[in-house]
């Protein structure tokens, strides 16, 4: 009997715990059977759906009416660029490739013929321009390049002879004003081959050579044995490689020529150019040493031609001639 009472007490305790747990799962507080026993057993009673509270909607901003004094600017109309005239050079540049691609993709008689007719028109335009250009150039000595430098063989030979004569004279004149500063090292093989060329330059034109040894030793061939040892002059002139050559005009004018080996022809050419840039030889004299006849240069300044002048071919030609440098 006591065992039966104990079993019943345990069963009642478990049942009460299940009732309390079921009440805790609901939104409403748990209801005990003992407090609501007149309803009887309600195992299958349908529970009401939980009420979901709706959050208030965010207040939408009210549209601001446009002010009466604000005027809406209309959009400017879209300007479509004008198409170039058919068969003009601009039209051909734009459309010729299209006709070519169409002829390749669809090689019908009509497509291929259309491309070749356009190509023929472009070539005829180019030929017409070439004839007009030749006539214009030969009619204007400022445009005819043969005025500056002939192209006929016998004339070219004469121009080269005159250039050689004028170059020799100019080099001798420069030798009376300036000498050659020669930096070398005793172990520099390039200096060994440059020294005889400098000796030829001195004998041909009378240049004084001023040799400076960077390591204080002479060259094996003993050319320019009267050298001076470098006392920092090379660093001041930015000498990085030997042989280094400079054109030096007393008392303080020094013009770089090279930092490497030069042939006699290249060396004399650089001396002439350096003398021109230094102002020891005028531009007209320099042109004659190059076999070019001295003619005015068309070098107008940017402010000498206005926008309206640039649109008028005749006015443009006149402005370019005025801006020429003699």
Protein backbone atom coordinates (compact mmCIF):
# COMPACT_ATOMS: atom_id res chain seq x y z
CA UNK A 1 0.00 0.00 0.00
CA UNK A 2 2.75 2.41 0.91
CA UNK A 3 4.54 1.54 -2.35
CA UNK A 4 1.40 2.37 -4.33
CA UNK A 5 0.99 5.75 -2.56
CA UNK A 6 4.58 6.67 -3.29
CA UNK A 7 4.18 5.82 -7.00
CA UNK A 8 1.04 7.93 -7.22
CA UNK A 9 2.77 10.90 -5.56
CA UNK A 10 5.64 10.77 -8.12
CA UNK A 11 3.21 10.58 -11.02
CA UNK A 12 1.22 13.56 -9.71
CA UNK A 13 4.43 15.62 -9.37
CA UNK A 14 5.49 14.90 -12.96
CA UNK A 15 2.04 15.81 -14.24
CA UNK A 16 2.08 19.14 -12.44
CA UNK A 17 5.54 19.99 -13.87
CA UNK A 18 4.29 19.26 -17.40
CA UNK A 19 1.29 21.54 -16.88
CA UNK A 20 3.51 24.37 -15.64
CA UNK A 21 5.95 23.94 -18.58
CA UNK A 22 3.08 24.01 -21.07
CA UNK A 23 1.85 27.26 -19.59
CA UNK A 24 5.32 28.80 -19.81
CA UNK A 25 5.47 28.18 -23.59
CA UNK A 26 2.45 30.42 -24.18
CA UNK A 27 2.39 34.18 -24.22
CA UNK A 28 -0.27 34.13 -21.47
CA UNK A 29 0.51 33.15 -17.86
CA UNK A 30 0.12 29.44 -17.03
CA UNK A 31 -3.32 28.41 -15.73
CA UNK A 32 -3.43 25.68 -13.12
CA UNK A 33 -6.06 22.95 -13.42
CA UNK A 34 -6.97 23.39 -9.78
CA UNK A 35 -7.84 27.05 -10.27
CA UNK A 36 -9.92 26.39 -13.39
CA UNK A 37 -11.21 22.87 -12.82
CA UNK A 38 -14.81 23.71 -13.84
CA UNK A 39 -13.56 23.75 -17.49
CA UNK A 40 -12.56 20.11 -17.13
CA UNK A 41 -9.84 18.55 -19.16
CA UNK A 42 -8.87 20.68 -22.21
CA UNK A 43 -6.03 18.81 -23.81
CA UNK A 44 -7.24 19.57 -27.37
CA UNK A 45 -8.39 23.11 -26.83
CA UNK A 46 -7.26 25.38 -29.66
CA UNK A 47 -5.16 28.26 -28.37
CA UNK A 48 -5.73 31.73 -29.86
CA UNK A 49 -3.04 33.08 -32.24
CA UNK A 50 -0.62 35.53 -30.59
CA UNK A 51 -1.29 39.16 -31.40
CA UNK A 52 1.59 40.72 -33.33
CA UNK A 53 2.01 44.39 -32.60
CA UNK A 54 2.68 46.43 -35.71
CA UNK A 55 5.33 49.10 -35.50
CA UNK A 56 4.24 52.53 -36.64
CA UNK A 57 5.33 53.29 -40.21
CA UNK A 58 8.05 55.84 -40.60
CA UNK A 59 6.74 59.17 -41.62
CA UNK A 60 7.43 59.73 -45.30
CA UNK A 61 8.89 63.13 -46.16
CA UNK A 62 6.44 65.29 -47.92
CA UNK A 63 7.57 66.56 -51.30
CA UNK A 64 8.58 70.19 -51.24
CA UNK A 65 6.60 72.13 -53.80
CA UNK A 66 8.80 74.10 -56.20
CA UNK A 67 9.14 77.75 -55.46
CA UNK A 68 7.30 80.08 -57.77
CA UNK A 69 10.39 82.15 -58.52
CA UNK A 70 12.62 79.20 -59.52
CA UNK A 71 12.76 78.67 -63.26
CA UNK A 72 13.68 75.30 -64.64
CA UNK A 73 16.28 75.74 -67.34
CA UNK A 74 15.50 73.69 -70.44
CA UNK A 75 18.19 71.32 -71.62
CA UNK A 76 20.09 72.50 -74.68
CA UNK A 77 19.24 70.51 -77.78
CA UNK A 78 21.68 67.80 -78.74
CA UNK A 79 23.77 68.98 -81.67
CA UNK A 80 24.46 66.23 -84.17
CA UNK A 81 27.74 66.81 -85.99
CA UNK A 82 27.28 67.43 -89.66
CA UNK A 83 28.27 64.56 -91.90
CA UNK A 84 31.15 65.28 -94.29
CA UNK A 85 30.29 65.73 -97.94
CA UNK A 86 30.21 62.44 -99.88
CA UNK A 87 33.54 61.54 -101.55
CA UNK A 88 35.37 64.30 -99.66
CA UNK A 89 38.65 63.33 -98.01
CA UNK A 90 36.96 63.34 -94.59
CA UNK A 91 34.13 61.17 -95.92
CA UNK A 92 36.59 58.71 -97.48
CA UNK A 93 38.61 58.43 -94.25
CA UNK A 94 35.40 57.68 -92.36
CA UNK A 95 33.69 55.30 -94.77
CA UNK A 96 36.32 53.57 -96.89
CA UNK A 97 37.08 50.94 -94.26
CA UNK A 98 33.36 50.22 -93.87
CA UNK A 99 33.04 49.48 -97.59
CA UNK A 100 36.18 47.33 -97.43
CA UNK A 101 34.82 45.25 -94.52
CA UNK A 102 31.51 44.82 -96.29
CA UNK A 103 33.28 43.65 -99.45
CA UNK A 104 35.31 41.13 -97.43
CA UNK A 105 32.32 39.79 -95.48
CA UNK A 106 29.95 39.78 -98.47
CA UNK A 107 32.12 39.66 -101.63
CA UNK A 108 29.36 40.27 -104.09
CA UNK A 109 30.11 41.97 -107.41
CA UNK A 110 28.40 45.15 -106.23
CA UNK A 111 30.18 45.33 -102.84
CA UNK A 112 33.65 44.69 -104.25
CA UNK A 113 33.13 47.14 -107.11
CA UNK A 114 31.87 49.82 -104.72
CA UNK A 115 35.05 49.55 -102.63
CA UNK A 116 37.38 49.69 -105.63
CA UNK A 117 35.56 52.66 -107.12
CA UNK A 118 35.99 54.55 -103.84
CA UNK A 119 39.65 53.55 -103.69
CA UNK A 120 40.13 54.77 -107.27
CA UNK A 121 38.50 58.09 -106.38
CA UNK A 122 40.84 58.48 -103.40
CA UNK A 123 43.92 57.70 -105.53
CA UNK A 124 42.84 60.17 -108.22
CA UNK A 125 42.40 62.85 -105.56
CA UNK A 126 45.91 62.11 -104.27
CA UNK A 127 47.36 62.30 -107.78
CA UNK A 128 45.64 65.62 -108.43
CA UNK A 129 47.05 66.96 -105.14
CA UNK A 130 50.55 65.75 -106.07
CA UNK A 131 50.53 67.60 -109.40
CA UNK A 132 49.26 70.79 -107.75
CA UNK A 133 51.84 70.48 -104.96
CA UNK A 134 54.72 70.07 -107.42
CA UNK A 135 53.66 73.16 -109.32
CA UNK A 136 53.25 75.24 -106.16
CA UNK A 137 56.64 74.16 -104.78
CA UNK A 138 58.55 74.78 -108.02
CA UNK A 139 56.91 78.22 -108.33
CA UNK A 140 57.96 79.41 -104.87
CA UNK A 141 61.69 79.54 -103.97
CA UNK A 142 60.82 79.51 -100.28
CA UNK A 143 59.22 76.09 -100.72
CA UNK A 144 61.50 74.56 -103.35
CA UNK A 145 64.03 72.41 -101.50
CA UNK A 146 66.39 72.31 -104.49
CA UNK A 147 67.07 76.00 -103.85
CA UNK A 148 68.61 75.10 -100.49
CA UNK A 149 70.25 71.83 -101.51
CA UNK A 150 70.52 70.60 -105.15
CA UNK A 151 69.60 67.04 -106.07
CA UNK A 152 71.33 66.67 -109.45
CA UNK A 153 74.54 64.65 -109.13
CA UNK A 154 76.92 67.22 -110.61
CA UNK A 155 75.31 69.97 -108.48
CA UNK A 156 75.53 67.84 -105.34
CA UNK A 157 79.25 67.29 -105.95
CA UNK A 158 79.78 71.02 -106.34
CA UNK A 159 77.77 71.74 -103.17
CA UNK A 160 79.84 69.20 -101.23
CA UNK A 161 83.08 70.77 -102.53
CA UNK A 162 81.96 74.25 -101.52
CA UNK A 163 80.88 72.95 -98.12
CA UNK A 164 84.31 71.36 -97.57
CA UNK A 165 86.08 74.59 -98.47
CA UNK A 166 83.88 76.66 -96.17
CA UNK A 167 84.19 74.12 -93.34
CA UNK A 168 87.99 74.16 -93.54
CA UNK A 169 87.99 77.95 -93.39
CA UNK A 170 85.53 78.00 -90.49
CA UNK A 171 87.51 75.39 -88.53
CA UNK A 172 90.72 77.39 -88.93
CA UNK A 173 88.91 80.52 -87.75
CA UNK A 174 87.59 78.64 -84.71
CA UNK A 175 91.08 77.24 -83.99
CA UNK A 176 92.29 80.82 -83.69
CA UNK A 177 89.70 81.39 -80.96
CA UNK A 178 89.46 78.10 -79.04
CA UNK A 179 91.36 74.92 -78.22
CA UNK A 180 90.45 71.31 -77.35
CA UNK A 181 90.48 70.18 -73.71
CA UNK A 182 91.33 66.43 -73.69
CA UNK A 183 90.76 64.33 -70.55
CA UNK A 184 92.29 60.83 -70.63
CA UNK A 185 93.54 57.93 -68.52
CA UNK A 186 96.75 56.01 -69.15
CA UNK A 187 94.88 52.66 -69.07
CA UNK A 188 91.97 53.79 -71.32
CA UNK A 189 92.25 51.96 -74.66
CA UNK A 190 89.76 54.34 -76.26
CA UNK A 191 91.96 57.28 -75.25
CA UNK A 192 94.86 55.61 -77.06
CA UNK A 193 92.95 55.63 -80.37
CA UNK A 194 91.49 59.11 -79.85
CA UNK A 195 94.88 60.76 -79.33
CA UNK A 196 96.15 60.28 -82.95
CA UNK A 197 92.89 61.76 -84.31
CA UNK A 198 93.38 64.83 -82.12
CA UNK A 199 96.94 65.08 -83.42
CA UNK A 200 95.56 65.05 -87.00
CA UNK A 201 93.05 67.78 -86.06
CA UNK A 202 95.82 69.95 -84.64
CA UNK A 203 98.02 69.53 -87.74
CA UNK A 204 95.15 70.15 -90.22
CA UNK A 205 93.50 73.20 -88.65
CA UNK A 206 95.90 74.52 -86.02
CA UNK A 207 93.92 73.59 -82.89
CA UNK A 208 95.78 73.68 -79.59
CA UNK A 209 95.21 70.47 -77.59
CA UNK A 210 95.25 70.74 -73.78
CA UNK A 211 95.69 67.17 -72.40
CA UNK A 212 94.73 66.37 -68.80
CA UNK A 213 95.51 62.98 -67.22
CA UNK A 214 93.02 61.72 -64.66
CA UNK A 215 95.46 59.21 -63.14
CA UNK A 216 98.59 61.37 -63.49
CA UNK A 217 100.25 58.96 -65.94
CA UNK A 218 101.07 59.36 -69.66
CA UNK A 219 99.66 57.25 -72.48
CA UNK A 220 101.83 54.37 -73.79
CA UNK A 221 102.30 56.03 -77.20
CA UNK A 222 103.57 59.17 -75.47
CA UNK A 223 101.32 61.43 -77.53
CA UNK A 224 100.64 64.70 -75.72
CA UNK A 225 103.38 64.00 -73.21
CA UNK A 226 103.13 67.57 -71.97
CA UNK A 227 99.92 66.74 -70.10
CA UNK A 228 98.69 68.22 -66.84
CA UNK A 229 97.40 66.14 -63.93
CA UNK A 230 93.74 66.60 -63.07
CA UNK A 231 93.21 68.90 -60.08
CA UNK A 232 89.41 68.59 -59.90
CA UNK A 233 88.63 70.12 -63.30
CA UNK A 234 87.09 66.86 -64.56
CA UNK A 235 84.60 66.72 -61.67
CA UNK A 236 83.60 70.35 -62.24
CA UNK A 237 82.90 69.63 -65.94
CA UNK A 238 80.99 66.41 -65.18
CA UNK A 239 83.45 64.02 -66.79
CA UNK A 240 82.22 60.43 -66.33
CA UNK A 241 83.86 58.61 -69.24
CA UNK A 242 87.11 58.99 -71.13
CA UNK A 243 88.15 60.22 -73.58
CA UNK A 244 86.29 63.45 -72.81
CA UNK A 245 86.58 66.40 -75.18
CA UNK A 246 85.61 70.04 -74.64
CA UNK A 247 85.91 73.11 -76.85
CA UNK A 248 87.54 75.79 -74.69
CA UNK A 249 87.70 79.48 -75.50
CA UNK A 250 89.65 81.66 -73.05
CA UNK A 251 89.02 82.93 -70.57
CA UNK A 252 86.02 80.87 -69.34
CA UNK A 253 83.92 79.55 -72.21
CA UNK A 254 83.84 75.73 -72.31
CA UNK A 255 81.49 73.77 -74.59
CA UNK A 256 81.20 69.94 -74.35
CA UNK A 257 81.94 67.91 -77.49
CA UNK A 258 81.84 64.26 -76.38
CA UNK A 259 82.65 61.66 -73.74
CA UNK A 260 83.65 58.89 -76.11
CA UNK A 261 85.72 58.22 -79.22
CA UNK A 262 84.99 60.37 -82.31
CA UNK A 263 86.20 60.07 -85.87
CA UNK A 264 87.84 63.11 -87.45
CA UNK A 265 84.75 63.82 -89.56
CA UNK A 266 82.39 63.59 -86.58
CA UNK A 267 84.74 65.66 -84.44
CA UNK A 268 84.93 68.52 -86.96
CA UNK A 269 81.16 68.40 -87.44
CA UNK A 270 80.59 68.74 -83.68
CA UNK A 271 83.10 71.59 -83.43
CA UNK A 272 81.21 73.54 -86.11
CA UNK A 273 77.86 72.94 -84.39
CA UNK A 274 79.21 73.86 -80.96
CA UNK A 275 80.75 77.06 -82.36
CA UNK A 276 77.42 78.02 -83.93
CA UNK A 277 75.50 77.40 -80.69
CA UNK A 278 78.13 79.37 -78.75
CA UNK A 279 77.83 82.33 -81.13
CA UNK A 280 81.33 82.06 -82.56
CA UNK A 281 79.91 81.14 -86.00
CA UNK A 282 76.76 82.73 -87.43
CA UNK A 283 73.90 80.64 -88.81
CA UNK A 284 74.57 81.64 -92.43
CA UNK A 285 78.19 80.52 -92.23
CA UNK A 286 77.17 77.27 -90.57
CA UNK A 287 74.66 76.48 -93.35
CA UNK A 288 77.33 76.91 -96.02
CA UNK A 289 79.58 74.42 -94.18
CA UNK A 290 76.73 71.89 -94.47
CA UNK A 291 76.33 72.37 -98.23
CA UNK A 292 73.06 74.26 -97.78
CA UNK A 293 72.41 77.62 -99.38
CA UNK A 294 71.49 80.29 -96.90
CA UNK A 295 67.75 81.03 -97.19
CA UNK A 296 65.23 82.68 -94.84
CA UNK A 297 63.66 80.33 -92.32
CA UNK A 298 59.88 80.28 -91.95
CA UNK A 299 59.65 80.54 -88.18
CA UNK A 300 56.61 82.75 -87.41
CA UNK A 301 55.79 83.27 -83.77
CA UNK A 302 52.55 81.90 -82.31
CA UNK A 303 51.09 85.37 -81.77
CA UNK A 304 51.82 86.56 -85.32
CA UNK A 305 48.90 84.61 -86.82
CA UNK A 306 45.33 85.12 -85.59
CA UNK A 307 42.49 82.61 -85.76
CA UNK A 308 40.88 84.45 -88.67
CA UNK A 309 44.19 84.53 -90.55
CA UNK A 310 44.57 80.78 -90.12
CA UNK A 311 41.27 80.29 -91.97
CA UNK A 312 42.43 82.30 -95.01
CA UNK A 313 45.11 80.46 -97.07
CA UNK A 314 46.42 83.61 -98.75
CA UNK A 315 46.61 85.58 -95.49
CA UNK A 316 48.27 82.60 -93.78
CA UNK A 317 50.95 82.43 -96.49
CA UNK A 318 51.63 86.18 -96.20
CA UNK A 319 51.92 86.02 -92.40
CA UNK A 320 54.33 83.07 -92.59
CA UNK A 321 56.56 84.96 -95.04
CA UNK A 322 56.64 88.03 -92.82
CA UNK A 323 57.54 85.88 -89.82
CA UNK A 324 60.48 84.32 -91.62
CA UNK A 325 63.90 84.56 -90.00
CA UNK A 326 66.70 85.67 -92.37
